[in-house]
Amino acid sequence: VITDFDAGRFVELTRNEDYWGADHPFRRGTNNVDTIR
Protein backbone atom coordinates (compact mmCIF):
# COMPACT_ATOMS: atom_id res chain seq x y z
CA VAL A 1 0.00 0.00 0.00
CA ILE A 2 1.15 3.56 -0.64
CA THR A 3 2.24 5.00 2.70
CA ASP A 4 4.21 8.13 1.78
CA PHE A 5 5.02 10.36 -1.19
CA ASP A 6 6.36 13.76 -2.16
CA ALA A 7 5.07 15.07 -5.49
CA GLY A 8 7.65 14.56 -8.20
CA ARG A 9 10.30 13.24 -5.79
CA PHE A 10 9.42 9.84 -4.32
CA VAL A 11 6.69 7.30 -3.64
CA GLU A 12 6.96 4.80 -0.80
CA LEU A 13 5.03 1.54 -0.52
CA THR A 14 4.90 -0.65 2.57
CA ARG A 15 4.16 -4.35 2.70
CA ASN A 16 0.77 -4.88 4.27
CA GLU A 17 1.32 -7.05 7.35
CA ASP A 18 -2.34 -8.09 7.15
CA TYR A 19 -2.21 -8.93 3.43
CA TRP A 20 -4.85 -11.55 2.79
CA GLY A 21 -2.77 -13.66 0.37
CA ALA A 22 0.50 -13.96 2.30
CA ASP A 23 0.20 -17.77 2.38
CA HIS A 24 -1.33 -18.18 -1.07
CA PRO A 25 0.76 -20.54 -3.28
CA PHE A 26 0.94 -17.90 -6.01
CA ARG A 27 2.41 -15.41 -3.53
CA ARG A 28 4.74 -17.69 -1.60
CA GLY A 29 8.33 -16.50 -2.01
CA THR A 30 7.28 -13.16 -3.53
CA ASN A 31 6.85 -9.64 -2.12
CA ASN A 32 9.70 -10.22 0.30
CA VAL A 33 10.92 -6.67 0.97
CA ASP A 34 9.16 -4.60 3.61
CA THR A 35 9.45 -1.23 1.92
CA ILE A 36 9.67 -0.18 -1.73
CA ARG A 37 10.81 3.36 -2.39
PDB file of all heavy atoms in Angstrom:
ATOM      1  N   VAL A   1       0.856  -1.181   0.000  1.00  0.00           N
ATOM      2  CA  VAL A   1       0.000   0.000   0.000  1.00  0.00           C
ATOM      3  C   VAL A   1       0.897   1.238   0.000  1.00  0.00           C
ATOM      4  O   VAL A   1       2.009   1.220   0.544  1.00  0.00           O
ATOM      5  CB  VAL A   1      -0.937   0.033   1.224  1.00  0.00           C
ATOM      6  CG1 VAL A   1      -1.952  -1.085   1.143  1.00  0.00           C
ATOM      7  CG2 VAL A   1      -0.151  -0.053   2.526  1.00  0.00           C
ATOM      8  N   ILE A   2       0.417   2.296  -0.622  1.00  0.00           N
ATOM      9  CA  ILE A   2       1.154   3.561  -0.641  1.00  0.00           C
ATOM     10  C   ILE A   2       1.065   4.196   0.743  1.00  0.00           C
ATOM     11  O   ILE A   2      -0.024   4.436   1.260  1.00  0.00           O
ATOM     12  CB  ILE A   2       0.590   4.506  -1.710  1.00  0.00           C
ATOM     13  CG1 ILE A   2       0.761   3.897  -3.103  1.00  0.00           C
ATOM     14  CG2 ILE A   2       1.275   5.878  -1.650  1.00  0.00           C
ATOM     15  CD1 ILE A   2       0.070   4.680  -4.210  1.00  0.00           C
ATOM     16  N   THR A   3       2.223   4.453   1.337  1.00  0.00           N
ATOM     17  CA  THR A   3       2.238   5.004   2.699  1.00  0.00           C
ATOM     18  C   THR A   3       2.870   6.386   2.778  1.00  0.00           C
ATOM     19  O   THR A   3       2.721   7.079   3.786  1.00  0.00           O
ATOM     20  CB  THR A   3       2.984   4.057   3.655  1.00  0.00           C
ATOM     21  OG1 THR A   3       4.254   3.714   3.088  1.00  0.00           O
ATOM     22  CG2 THR A   3       2.182   2.787   3.880  1.00  0.00           C
ATOM     23  N   ASP A   4       3.594   6.806   1.741  1.00  0.00           N
ATOM     24  CA  ASP A   4       4.213   8.132   1.779  1.00  0.00           C
ATOM     25  C   ASP A   4       4.583   8.541   0.364  1.00  0.00           C
ATOM     26  O   ASP A   4       4.836   7.686  -0.498  1.00  0.00           O
ATOM     27  CB  ASP A   4       5.465   8.110   2.655  1.00  0.00           C
ATOM     28  CG  ASP A   4       5.930   9.516   3.048  1.00  0.00           C
ATOM     29  OD1 ASP A   4       5.181  10.479   2.792  1.00  0.00           O
ATOM     30  OD2 ASP A   4       7.042   9.644   3.600  1.00  0.00           O
ATOM     31  N   PHE A   5       4.592   9.844   0.110  1.00  0.00           N
ATOM     32  CA  PHE A   5       5.020  10.359  -1.192  1.00  0.00           C
ATOM     33  C   PHE A   5       5.304  11.846  -1.074  1.00  0.00           C
ATOM     34  O   PHE A   5       4.834  12.525  -0.158  1.00  0.00           O
ATOM     35  CB  PHE A   5       3.963  10.110  -2.272  1.00  0.00           C
ATOM     36  CG  PHE A   5       2.636  10.768  -2.016  1.00  0.00           C
ATOM     37  CD1 PHE A   5       2.397  12.086  -2.387  1.00  0.00           C
ATOM     38  CD2 PHE A   5       1.615  10.068  -1.389  1.00  0.00           C
ATOM     39  CE1 PHE A   5       1.174  12.691  -2.144  1.00  0.00           C
ATOM     40  CE2 PHE A   5       0.386  10.669  -1.133  1.00  0.00           C
ATOM     41  CZ  PHE A   5       0.167  11.983  -1.516  1.00  0.00           C
ATOM     42  N   ASP A   6       6.094  12.335  -2.012  1.00  0.00           N
ATOM     43  CA  ASP A   6       6.361  13.759  -2.159  1.00  0.00           C
ATOM     44  C   ASP A   6       6.294  14.030  -3.647  1.00  0.00           C
ATOM     45  O   ASP A   6       7.073  13.456  -4.423  1.00  0.00           O
ATOM     46  CB  ASP A   6       7.739  14.118  -1.591  1.00  0.00           C
ATOM     47  CG  ASP A   6       7.993  15.619  -1.574  1.00  0.00           C
ATOM     48  OD1 ASP A   6       7.155  16.377  -2.123  1.00  0.00           O
ATOM     49  OD2 ASP A   6       9.024  16.045  -1.034  1.00  0.00           O
ATOM     50  N   ALA A   7       5.356  14.859  -4.060  1.00  0.00           N
ATOM     51  CA  ALA A   7       5.074  15.069  -5.487  1.00  0.00           C
ATOM     52  C   ALA A   7       6.338  15.289  -6.299  1.00  0.00           C
ATOM     53  O   ALA A   7       7.129  16.188  -6.016  1.00  0.00           O
ATOM     54  CB  ALA A   7       4.131  16.262  -5.660  1.00  0.00           C
ATOM     55  N   GLY A   8       6.520  14.429  -7.299  1.00  0.00           N
ATOM     56  CA  GLY A   8       7.647  14.560  -8.204  1.00  0.00           C
ATOM     57  C   GLY A   8       8.964  14.067  -7.668  1.00  0.00           C
ATOM     58  O   GLY A   8       9.961  14.052  -8.396  1.00  0.00           O
ATOM     59  N   ARG A   9       9.020  13.619  -6.394  1.00  0.00           N
ATOM     60  CA  ARG A   9      10.303  13.238  -5.786  1.00  0.00           C
ATOM     61  C   ARG A   9      10.371  11.767  -5.406  1.00  0.00           C
ATOM     62  O   ARG A   9      11.326  11.087  -5.727  1.00  0.00           O
ATOM     63  CB  ARG A   9      10.574  14.106  -4.565  1.00  0.00           C
ATOM     64  CG  ARG A   9      10.784  15.582  -4.887  1.00  0.00           C
ATOM     65  CD  ARG A   9      11.141  16.353  -3.629  1.00  0.00           C
ATOM     66  NE  ARG A   9      12.358  15.818  -3.014  1.00  0.00           N
ATOM     67  CZ  ARG A   9      12.735  16.112  -1.770  1.00  0.00           C
ATOM     68  NH1 ARG A   9      11.982  16.901  -1.015  1.00  0.00           N
ATOM     69  NH2 ARG A   9      13.851  15.605  -1.278  1.00  0.00           N
ATOM     70  N   PHE A  10       9.372  11.254  -4.691  1.00  0.00           N
ATOM     71  CA  PHE A  10       9.419   9.842  -4.325  1.00  0.00           C
ATOM     72  C   PHE A  10       8.021   9.339  -3.998  1.00  0.00           C
ATOM     73  O   PHE A  10       7.109  10.103  -3.661  1.00  0.00           O
ATOM     74  CB  PHE A  10      10.352   9.597  -3.127  1.00  0.00           C
ATOM     75  CG  PHE A  10       9.785  10.020  -1.797  1.00  0.00           C
ATOM     76  CD1 PHE A  10       8.996   9.160  -1.046  1.00  0.00           C
ATOM     77  CD2 PHE A  10      10.035  11.296  -1.297  1.00  0.00           C
ATOM     78  CE1 PHE A  10       8.467   9.543   0.182  1.00  0.00           C
ATOM     79  CE2 PHE A  10       9.510  11.693  -0.075  1.00  0.00           C
ATOM     80  CZ  PHE A  10       8.724  10.816   0.665  1.00  0.00           C
ATOM     81  N   VAL A  11       7.879   8.011  -4.108  1.00  0.00           N
ATOM     82  CA  VAL A  11       6.688   7.303  -3.642  1.00  0.00           C
ATOM     83  C   VAL A  11       7.180   6.121  -2.814  1.00  0.00           C
ATOM     84  O   VAL A  11       8.102   5.416  -3.215  1.00  0.00           O
ATOM     85  CB  VAL A  11       5.818   6.782  -4.796  1.00  0.00           C
ATOM     86  CG1 VAL A  11       4.610   6.021  -4.247  1.00  0.00           C
ATOM     87  CG2 VAL A  11       5.356   7.922  -5.686  1.00  0.00           C
ATOM     88  N   GLU A  12       6.558   5.906  -1.673  1.00  0.00           N
ATOM     89  CA  GLU A  12       6.957   4.800  -0.799  1.00  0.00           C
ATOM     90  C   GLU A  12       5.776   3.863  -0.584  1.00  0.00           C
ATOM     91  O   GLU A  12       4.664   4.299  -0.289  1.00  0.00           O
ATOM     92  CB  GLU A  12       7.441   5.338   0.550  1.00  0.00           C
ATOM     93  CG  GLU A  12       8.048   4.266   1.451  1.00  0.00           C
ATOM     94  CD  GLU A  12       8.727   4.879   2.666  1.00  0.00           C
ATOM     95  OE1 GLU A  12       9.868   5.366   2.532  1.00  0.00           O
ATOM     96  OE2 GLU A  12       8.090   4.883   3.742  1.00  0.00           O
ATOM     97  N   LEU A  13       6.031   2.568  -0.764  1.00  0.00           N
ATOM     98  CA  LEU A  13       5.028   1.541  -0.518  1.00  0.00           C
ATOM     99  C   LEU A  13       5.509   0.636   0.610  1.00  0.00           C
ATOM    100  O   LEU A  13       6.706   0.326   0.699  1.00  0.00           O
ATOM    101  CB  LEU A  13       4.787   0.697  -1.776  1.00  0.00           C
ATOM    102  CG  LEU A  13       4.214   1.423  -2.995  1.00  0.00           C
ATOM    103  CD1 LEU A  13       5.344   1.838  -3.929  1.00  0.00           C
ATOM    104  CD2 LEU A  13       3.222   0.534  -3.743  1.00  0.00           C
ATOM    105  N   THR A  14       4.580   0.210   1.437  1.00  0.00           N
ATOM    106  CA  THR A  14       4.905  -0.649   2.575  1.00  0.00           C
ATOM    107  C   THR A  14       4.126  -1.954   2.459  1.00  0.00           C
ATOM    108  O   THR A  14       2.931  -1.947   2.115  1.00  0.00           O
ATOM    109  CB  THR A  14       4.558   0.049   3.899  1.00  0.00           C
ATOM    110  OG1 THR A  14       5.283   1.289   3.977  1.00  0.00           O
ATOM    111  CG2 THR A  14       4.915  -0.822   5.091  1.00  0.00           C
ATOM    112  N   ARG A  15       4.823  -3.044   2.741  1.00  0.00           N
ATOM    113  CA  ARG A  15       4.155  -4.346   2.697  1.00  0.00           C
ATOM    114  C   ARG A  15       3.096  -4.420   3.777  1.00  0.00           C
ATOM    115  O   ARG A  15       3.349  -4.125   4.947  1.00  0.00           O
ATOM    116  CB  ARG A  15       5.182  -5.472   2.875  1.00  0.00           C
ATOM    117  CG  ARG A  15       4.614  -6.868   2.698  1.00  0.00           C
ATOM    118  CD  ARG A  15       5.706  -7.901   2.446  1.00  0.00           C
ATOM    119  NE  ARG A  15       6.718  -7.865   3.479  1.00  0.00           N
ATOM    120  CZ  ARG A  15       6.617  -8.504   4.642  1.00  0.00           C
ATOM    121  NH1 ARG A  15       5.533  -9.216   4.922  1.00  0.00           N
ATOM    122  NH2 ARG A  15       7.588  -8.434   5.532  1.00  0.00           N
ATOM    123  N   ASN A  16       1.900  -4.794   3.372  1.00  0.00           N
ATOM    124  CA  ASN A  16       0.765  -4.878   4.275  1.00  0.00           C
ATOM    125  C   ASN A  16       0.908  -6.120   5.147  1.00  0.00           C
ATOM    126  O   ASN A  16       0.838  -7.253   4.656  1.00  0.00           O
ATOM    127  CB  ASN A  16      -0.536  -4.938   3.453  1.00  0.00           C
ATOM    128  CG  ASN A  16      -1.780  -4.974   4.321  1.00  0.00           C
ATOM    129  OD1 ASN A  16      -1.695  -4.857   5.542  1.00  0.00           O
ATOM    130  ND2 ASN A  16      -2.933  -5.137   3.691  1.00  0.00           N
ATOM    131  N   GLU A  17       1.135  -5.926   6.429  1.00  0.00           N
ATOM    132  CA  GLU A  17       1.320  -7.050   7.347  1.00  0.00           C
ATOM    133  C   GLU A  17       0.069  -7.918   7.439  1.00  0.00           C
ATOM    134  O   GLU A  17       0.142  -9.093   7.822  1.00  0.00           O
ATOM    135  CB  GLU A  17       1.696  -6.533   8.742  1.00  0.00           C
ATOM    136  CG  GLU A  17       3.076  -5.892   8.811  1.00  0.00           C
ATOM    137  CD  GLU A  17       4.204  -6.889   8.585  1.00  0.00           C
ATOM    138  OE1 GLU A  17       3.969  -8.107   8.770  1.00  0.00           O
ATOM    139  OE2 GLU A  17       5.309  -6.454   8.208  1.00  0.00           O
ATOM    140  N   ASP A  18      -1.081  -7.336   7.095  1.00  0.00           N
ATOM    141  CA  ASP A  18      -2.336  -8.086   7.148  1.00  0.00           C
ATOM    142  C   ASP A  18      -2.791  -8.524   5.758  1.00  0.00           C
ATOM    143  O   ASP A  18      -3.975  -8.837   5.553  1.00  0.00           O
ATOM    144  CB  ASP A  18      -3.426  -7.234   7.797  1.00  0.00           C
ATOM    145  CG  ASP A  18      -3.099  -6.879   9.238  1.00  0.00           C
ATOM    146  OD1 ASP A  18      -2.587  -7.768   9.953  1.00  0.00           O
ATOM    147  OD2 ASP A  18      -3.333  -5.726   9.639  1.00  0.00           O
ATOM    148  N   TYR A  19      -1.874  -8.550   4.803  1.00  0.00           N
ATOM    149  CA  TYR A  19      -2.212  -8.929   3.429  1.00  0.00           C
ATOM    150  C   TYR A  19      -2.881 -10.299   3.403  1.00  0.00           C
ATOM    151  O   TYR A  19      -2.356 -11.277   3.929  1.00  0.00           O
ATOM    152  CB  TYR A  19      -0.954  -8.931   2.572  1.00  0.00           C
ATOM    153  CG  TYR A  19      -1.149  -9.516   1.195  1.00  0.00           C
ATOM    154  CD1 TYR A  19      -2.141  -9.034   0.334  1.00  0.00           C
ATOM    155  CD2 TYR A  19      -0.334 -10.559   0.755  1.00  0.00           C
ATOM    156  CE1 TYR A  19      -2.313  -9.565  -0.924  1.00  0.00           C
ATOM    157  CE2 TYR A  19      -0.496 -11.100  -0.515  1.00  0.00           C
ATOM    158  CZ  TYR A  19      -1.486 -10.605  -1.345  1.00  0.00           C
ATOM    159  OH  TYR A  19      -1.658 -11.141  -2.607  1.00  0.00           O
ATOM    160  N   TRP A  20      -4.016 -10.361   2.767  1.00  0.00           N
ATOM    161  CA  TRP A  20      -4.852 -11.554   2.794  1.00  0.00           C
ATOM    162  C   TRP A  20      -4.172 -12.781   2.161  1.00  0.00           C
ATOM    163  O   TRP A  20      -4.414 -13.916   2.561  1.00  0.00           O
ATOM    164  CB  TRP A  20      -6.164 -11.290   2.052  1.00  0.00           C
ATOM    165  CG  TRP A  20      -5.988 -11.257   0.551  1.00  0.00           C
ATOM    166  CD1 TRP A  20      -5.651 -10.174  -0.209  1.00  0.00           C
ATOM    167  CD2 TRP A  20      -6.080 -12.362  -0.346  1.00  0.00           C
ATOM    168  NE1 TRP A  20      -5.529 -10.539  -1.525  1.00  0.00           N
ATOM    169  CE2 TRP A  20      -5.795 -11.881  -1.640  1.00  0.00           C
ATOM    170  CE3 TRP A  20      -6.369 -13.721  -0.198  1.00  0.00           C
ATOM    171  CZ2 TRP A  20      -5.793 -12.686  -2.772  1.00  0.00           C
ATOM    172  CZ3 TRP A  20      -6.367 -14.536  -1.327  1.00  0.00           C
ATOM    173  CH2 TRP A  20      -6.097 -14.023  -2.595  1.00  0.00           C
ATOM    174  N   GLY A  21      -3.314 -12.550   1.155  1.00  0.00           N
ATOM    175  CA  GLY A  21      -2.768 -13.663   0.373  1.00  0.00           C
ATOM    176  C   GLY A  21      -1.357 -14.052   0.740  1.00  0.00           C
ATOM    177  O   GLY A  21      -0.668 -14.701  -0.062  1.00  0.00           O
ATOM    178  N   ALA A  22      -0.895 -13.699   1.922  1.00  0.00           N
ATOM    179  CA  ALA A  22       0.499 -13.959   2.298  1.00  0.00           C
ATOM    180  C   ALA A  22       0.868 -15.434   2.186  1.00  0.00           C
ATOM    181  O   ALA A  22       2.016 -15.769   1.858  1.00  0.00           O
ATOM    182  CB  ALA A  22       0.747 -13.463   3.718  1.00  0.00           C
ATOM    183  N   ASP A  23      -0.079 -16.333   2.436  1.00  0.00           N
ATOM    184  CA  ASP A  23       0.200 -17.766   2.379  1.00  0.00           C
ATOM    185  C   ASP A  23      -0.341 -18.428   1.118  1.00  0.00           C
ATOM    186  O   ASP A  23      -0.331 -19.661   1.006  1.00  0.00           O
ATOM    187  CB  ASP A  23      -0.393 -18.462   3.614  1.00  0.00           C
ATOM    188  CG  ASP A  23       0.274 -17.988   4.899  1.00  0.00           C
ATOM    189  OD1 ASP A  23       1.501 -17.760   4.872  1.00  0.00           O
ATOM    190  OD2 ASP A  23      -0.438 -17.826   5.911  1.00  0.00           O
ATOM    191  N   HIS A  24      -0.805 -17.630   0.182  1.00  0.00           N
ATOM    192  CA  HIS A  24      -1.333 -18.181  -1.073  1.00  0.00           C
ATOM    193  C   HIS A  24      -0.177 -18.770  -1.884  1.00  0.00           C
ATOM    194  O   HIS A  24       0.902 -18.171  -1.967  1.00  0.00           O
ATOM    195  CB  HIS A  24      -2.022 -17.058  -1.856  1.00  0.00           C
ATOM    196  CG  HIS A  24      -2.866 -17.539  -2.988  1.00  0.00           C
ATOM    197  ND1 HIS A  24      -2.334 -18.061  -4.140  1.00  0.00           N
ATOM    198  CD2 HIS A  24      -4.220 -17.548  -3.155  1.00  0.00           C
ATOM    199  CE1 HIS A  24      -3.309 -18.391  -4.971  1.00  0.00           C
ATOM    200  NE2 HIS A  24      -4.463 -18.091  -4.390  1.00  0.00           N
ATOM    201  N   PRO A  25      -0.335 -19.939  -2.499  1.00  0.00           N
ATOM    202  CA  PRO A  25       0.765 -20.540  -3.276  1.00  0.00           C
ATOM    203  C   PRO A  25       1.324 -19.604  -4.344  1.00  0.00           C
ATOM    204  O   PRO A  25       2.539 -19.610  -4.586  1.00  0.00           O
ATOM    205  CB  PRO A  25       0.110 -21.773  -3.906  1.00  0.00           C
ATOM    206  CG  PRO A  25      -1.007 -22.124  -2.986  1.00  0.00           C
ATOM    207  CD  PRO A  25      -1.517 -20.822  -2.449  1.00  0.00           C
ATOM    208  N   PHE A  26       0.469 -18.803  -4.968  1.00  0.00           N
ATOM    209  CA  PHE A  26       0.937 -17.900  -6.011  1.00  0.00           C
ATOM    210  C   PHE A  26       1.827 -16.804  -5.443  1.00  0.00           C
ATOM    211  O   PHE A  26       2.670 -16.241  -6.139  1.00  0.00           O
ATOM    212  CB  PHE A  26      -0.249 -17.277  -6.754  1.00  0.00           C
ATOM    213  CG  PHE A  26       0.152 -16.491  -7.966  1.00  0.00           C
ATOM    214  CD1 PHE A  26       0.401 -17.126  -9.174  1.00  0.00           C
ATOM    215  CD2 PHE A  26       0.302 -15.109  -7.910  1.00  0.00           C
ATOM    216  CE1 PHE A  26       0.789 -16.411 -10.294  1.00  0.00           C
ATOM    217  CE2 PHE A  26       0.688 -14.384  -9.022  1.00  0.00           C
ATOM    218  CZ  PHE A  26       0.934 -15.041 -10.217  1.00  0.00           C
ATOM    219  N   ARG A  27       1.653 -16.488  -4.173  1.00  0.00           N
ATOM    220  CA  ARG A  27       2.406 -15.405  -3.533  1.00  0.00           C
ATOM    221  C   ARG A  27       3.583 -15.900  -2.695  1.00  0.00           C
ATOM    222  O   ARG A  27       4.411 -15.100  -2.286  1.00  0.00           O
ATOM    223  CB  ARG A  27       1.478 -14.579  -2.646  1.00  0.00           C
ATOM    224  CG  ARG A  27       0.469 -13.737  -3.402  1.00  0.00           C
ATOM    225  CD  ARG A  27       1.150 -12.764  -4.317  1.00  0.00           C
ATOM    226  NE  ARG A  27       0.258 -11.734  -4.834  1.00  0.00           N
ATOM    227  CZ  ARG A  27       0.539 -10.964  -5.875  1.00  0.00           C
ATOM    228  NH1 ARG A  27       1.685 -11.110  -6.528  1.00  0.00           N
ATOM    229  NH2 ARG A  27      -0.297 -10.033  -6.268  1.00  0.00           N
ATOM    230  N   ARG A  28       3.669 -17.177  -2.453  1.00  0.00           N
ATOM    231  CA  ARG A  28       4.738 -17.688  -1.597  1.00  0.00           C
ATOM    232  C   ARG A  28       6.100 -17.417  -2.243  1.00  0.00           C
ATOM    233  O   ARG A  28       6.326 -17.697  -3.417  1.00  0.00           O
ATOM    234  CB  ARG A  28       4.546 -19.179  -1.360  1.00  0.00           C
ATOM    235  CG  ARG A  28       5.360 -19.750  -0.215  1.00  0.00           C
ATOM    236  CD  ARG A  28       4.845 -21.107   0.176  1.00  0.00           C
ATOM    237  NE  ARG A  28       3.479 -21.014   0.716  1.00  0.00           N
ATOM    238  CZ  ARG A  28       2.509 -21.900   0.467  1.00  0.00           C
ATOM    239  NH1 ARG A  28       2.744 -22.926  -0.324  1.00  0.00           N
ATOM    240  NH2 ARG A  28       1.323 -21.737   1.008  1.00  0.00           N
ATOM    241  N   GLY A  29       7.006 -16.811  -1.491  1.00  0.00           N
ATOM    242  CA  GLY A  29       8.328 -16.500  -2.013  1.00  0.00           C
ATOM    243  C   GLY A  29       8.404 -15.196  -2.791  1.00  0.00           C
ATOM    244  O   GLY A  29       9.451 -14.860  -3.337  1.00  0.00           O
ATOM    245  N   THR A  30       7.303 -14.451  -2.841  1.00  0.00           N
ATOM    246  CA  THR A  30       7.277 -13.158  -3.530  1.00  0.00           C
ATOM    247  C   THR A  30       7.010 -12.044  -2.521  1.00  0.00           C
ATOM    248  O   THR A  30       6.691 -12.311  -1.361  1.00  0.00           O
ATOM    249  CB  THR A  30       6.196 -13.126  -4.629  1.00  0.00           C
ATOM    250  OG1 THR A  30       4.896 -13.097  -4.014  1.00  0.00           O
ATOM    251  CG2 THR A  30       6.289 -14.359  -5.527  1.00  0.00           C
ATOM    252  N   ASN A  31       7.140 -10.802  -2.972  1.00  0.00           N
ATOM    253  CA  ASN A  31       6.846  -9.644  -2.115  1.00  0.00           C
ATOM    254  C   ASN A  31       7.582  -9.744  -0.791  1.00  0.00           C
ATOM    255  O   ASN A  31       6.990  -9.665   0.288  1.00  0.00           O
ATOM    256  CB  ASN A  31       5.332  -9.523  -1.884  1.00  0.00           C
ATOM    257  CG  ASN A  31       4.555  -9.507  -3.181  1.00  0.00           C
ATOM    258  OD1 ASN A  31       4.803  -8.665  -4.040  1.00  0.00           O
ATOM    259  ND2 ASN A  31       3.648 -10.443  -3.360  1.00  0.00           N
ATOM    260  N   ASN A  32       8.891  -9.929  -0.886  1.00  0.00           N
ATOM    261  CA  ASN A  32       9.700 -10.216   0.296  1.00  0.00           C
ATOM    262  C   ASN A  32      10.203  -8.977   1.029  1.00  0.00           C
ATOM    263  O   ASN A  32      10.474  -9.042   2.227  1.00  0.00           O
ATOM    264  CB  ASN A  32      10.893 -11.085  -0.113  1.00  0.00           C
ATOM    265  CG  ASN A  32      10.455 -12.391  -0.748  1.00  0.00           C
ATOM    266  OD1 ASN A  32       9.596 -13.090  -0.222  1.00  0.00           O
ATOM    267  ND2 ASN A  32      11.019 -12.711  -1.905  1.00  0.00           N
ATOM    268  N   VAL A  33      10.374  -7.857   0.306  1.00  0.00           N
ATOM    269  CA  VAL A  33      10.920  -6.672   0.972  1.00  0.00           C
ATOM    270  C   VAL A  33       9.803  -5.936   1.711  1.00  0.00           C
ATOM    271  O   VAL A  33       8.644  -5.948   1.283  1.00  0.00           O
ATOM    272  CB  VAL A  33      11.616  -5.736  -0.037  1.00  0.00           C
ATOM    273  CG1 VAL A  33      12.765  -6.451  -0.713  1.00  0.00           C
ATOM    274  CG2 VAL A  33      10.643  -5.193  -1.072  1.00  0.00           C
ATOM    275  N   ASP A  34      10.160  -5.296   2.800  1.00  0.00           N
ATOM    276  CA  ASP A  34       9.159  -4.600   3.615  1.00  0.00           C
ATOM    277  C   ASP A  34       8.739  -3.278   2.994  1.00  0.00           C
ATOM    278  O   ASP A  34       7.563  -2.902   3.048  1.00  0.00           O
ATOM    279  CB  ASP A  34       9.708  -4.337   5.020  1.00  0.00           C
ATOM    280  CG  ASP A  34       9.705  -5.575   5.888  1.00  0.00           C
ATOM    281  OD1 ASP A  34       9.028  -6.555   5.525  1.00  0.00           O
ATOM    282  OD2 ASP A  34      10.392  -5.568   6.928  1.00  0.00           O
ATOM    283  N   THR A  35       9.719  -2.570   2.428  1.00  0.00           N
ATOM    284  CA  THR A  35       9.448  -1.226   1.915  1.00  0.00           C
ATOM    285  C   THR A  35      10.025  -1.083   0.516  1.00  0.00           C
ATOM    286  O   THR A  35      11.153  -1.495   0.253  1.00  0.00           O
ATOM    287  CB  THR A  35      10.076  -0.152   2.824  1.00  0.00           C
ATOM    288  OG1 THR A  35       9.598  -0.330   4.164  1.00  0.00           O
ATOM    289  CG2 THR A  35       9.724   1.236   2.341  1.00  0.00           C
ATOM    290  N   ILE A  36       9.225  -0.505  -0.370  1.00  0.00           N
ATOM    291  CA  ILE A  36       9.671  -0.181  -1.731  1.00  0.00           C
ATOM    292  C   ILE A  36       9.607   1.328  -1.885  1.00  0.00           C
ATOM    293  O   ILE A  36       8.564   1.948  -1.673  1.00  0.00           O
ATOM    294  CB  ILE A  36       8.782  -0.848  -2.791  1.00  0.00           C
ATOM    295  CG1 ILE A  36       8.832  -2.372  -2.656  1.00  0.00           C
ATOM    296  CG2 ILE A  36       9.213  -0.428  -4.195  1.00  0.00           C
ATOM    297  CD1 ILE A  36       7.853  -3.096  -3.554  1.00  0.00           C
ATOM    298  N   ARG A  37      10.743   1.904  -2.240  1.00  0.00           N
ATOM    299  CA  ARG A  37      10.805   3.356  -2.386  1.00  0.00           C
ATOM    300  C   ARG A  37      11.248   3.692  -3.808  1.00  0.00           C
ATOM    301  O   ARG A  37      12.302   3.248  -4.265  1.00  0.00           O
ATOM    302  CB  ARG A  37      11.774   3.951  -1.367  1.00  0.00           C
ATOM    303  CG  ARG A  37      11.764   5.479  -1.310  1.00  0.00           C
ATOM    304  CD  ARG A  37      12.693   5.969  -0.207  1.00  0.00           C
ATOM    305  NE  ARG A  37      12.833   7.406  -0.216  1.00  0.00           N
ATOM    306  CZ  ARG A  37      12.096   8.248   0.503  1.00  0.00           C
ATOM    307  NH1 ARG A  37      11.161   7.757   1.300  1.00  0.00           N
ATOM    308  NH2 ARG A  37      12.285   9.558   0.455  1.00  0.00           N
TER     309      ARG A  37
END
